[in-house]
Protein backbone atom coordinates (compact mmCIF):
# COMPACT_ATOMS: atom_id res chain seq x y z
CA UNK A 1 65.86 47.57 13.31
CA UNK A 2 66.96 46.54 10.52
CA UNK A 3 67.65 42.84 9.94
CA UNK A 4 71.76 42.89 8.11
CA UNK A 5 71.84 39.49 7.21
CA UNK A 6 72.02 38.24 3.82
CA UNK A 7 69.77 35.86 1.56
CA UNK A 8 71.06 32.88 0.43
CA UNK A 9 69.96 30.66 -2.47
CA UNK A 10 68.75 27.91 -0.38
CA UNK A 11 66.34 30.82 1.29
CA UNK A 12 65.21 31.91 -2.24
CA UNK A 13 64.38 28.21 -3.04
CA UNK A 14 62.79 27.72 0.28
CA UNK A 15 60.49 30.45 -0.32
CA UNK A 16 59.99 29.86 -4.18
CA UNK A 17 58.80 26.60 -3.31
CA UNK A 18 56.38 27.70 -0.60
CA UNK A 19 54.45 30.55 -3.38
CA UNK A 20 54.77 27.71 -5.48
CA UNK A 21 52.47 25.95 -3.61
CA UNK A 22 49.90 28.63 -2.86
CA UNK A 23 49.81 29.87 -5.86
CA UNK A 24 48.52 25.74 -7.21
CA UNK A 25 46.12 25.98 -4.73
CA UNK A 26 44.76 29.06 -5.80
CA UNK A 27 44.41 28.19 -9.21
CA UNK A 28 42.90 24.78 -8.46
CA UNK A 29 39.93 27.04 -6.19
CA UNK A 30 39.51 29.77 -9.24
CA UNK A 31 39.25 26.76 -11.98
CA UNK A 32 36.21 26.04 -9.18
CA UNK A 33 35.07 28.67 -9.26
CA UNK A 34 34.97 29.63 -12.86
CA UNK A 35 32.69 26.32 -13.35
CA UNK A 36 30.45 27.45 -10.62
CA UNK A 37 30.31 30.93 -12.18
CA UNK A 38 29.01 29.17 -15.22
CA UNK A 39 26.42 26.88 -14.12
CA UNK A 40 24.59 29.74 -12.31
CA UNK A 41 25.03 32.51 -15.34
CA UNK A 42 23.83 29.21 -17.54
CA UNK A 43 20.96 28.45 -15.24
CA UNK A 44 19.92 32.19 -14.76
CA UNK A 45 20.11 32.32 -19.11
CA UNK A 46 18.62 29.25 -19.78
CA UNK A 47 14.83 29.91 -18.64
CA UNK A 48 14.99 33.61 -19.77
CA UNK A 49 15.69 32.20 -23.65
CA UNK A 50 13.34 29.53 -23.49
CA UNK A 51 10.55 31.22 -24.12
CA UNK A 52 12.26 33.11 -26.99
CA UNK A 53 12.95 29.19 -29.08
CA UNK A 54 9.67 27.58 -28.33
């Protein structure tokens, strides 16, 4: 059954706040994942490059 009630400005503001909080949390997690990936790539590449410069 269709809900025919209209969305109010306060409803939209509440939804926007919840989405903003979720987005901030995801951005923090993504930052940690980027750093972890960088460390893994460096740990993998450095041993392969070390013999070239020895």
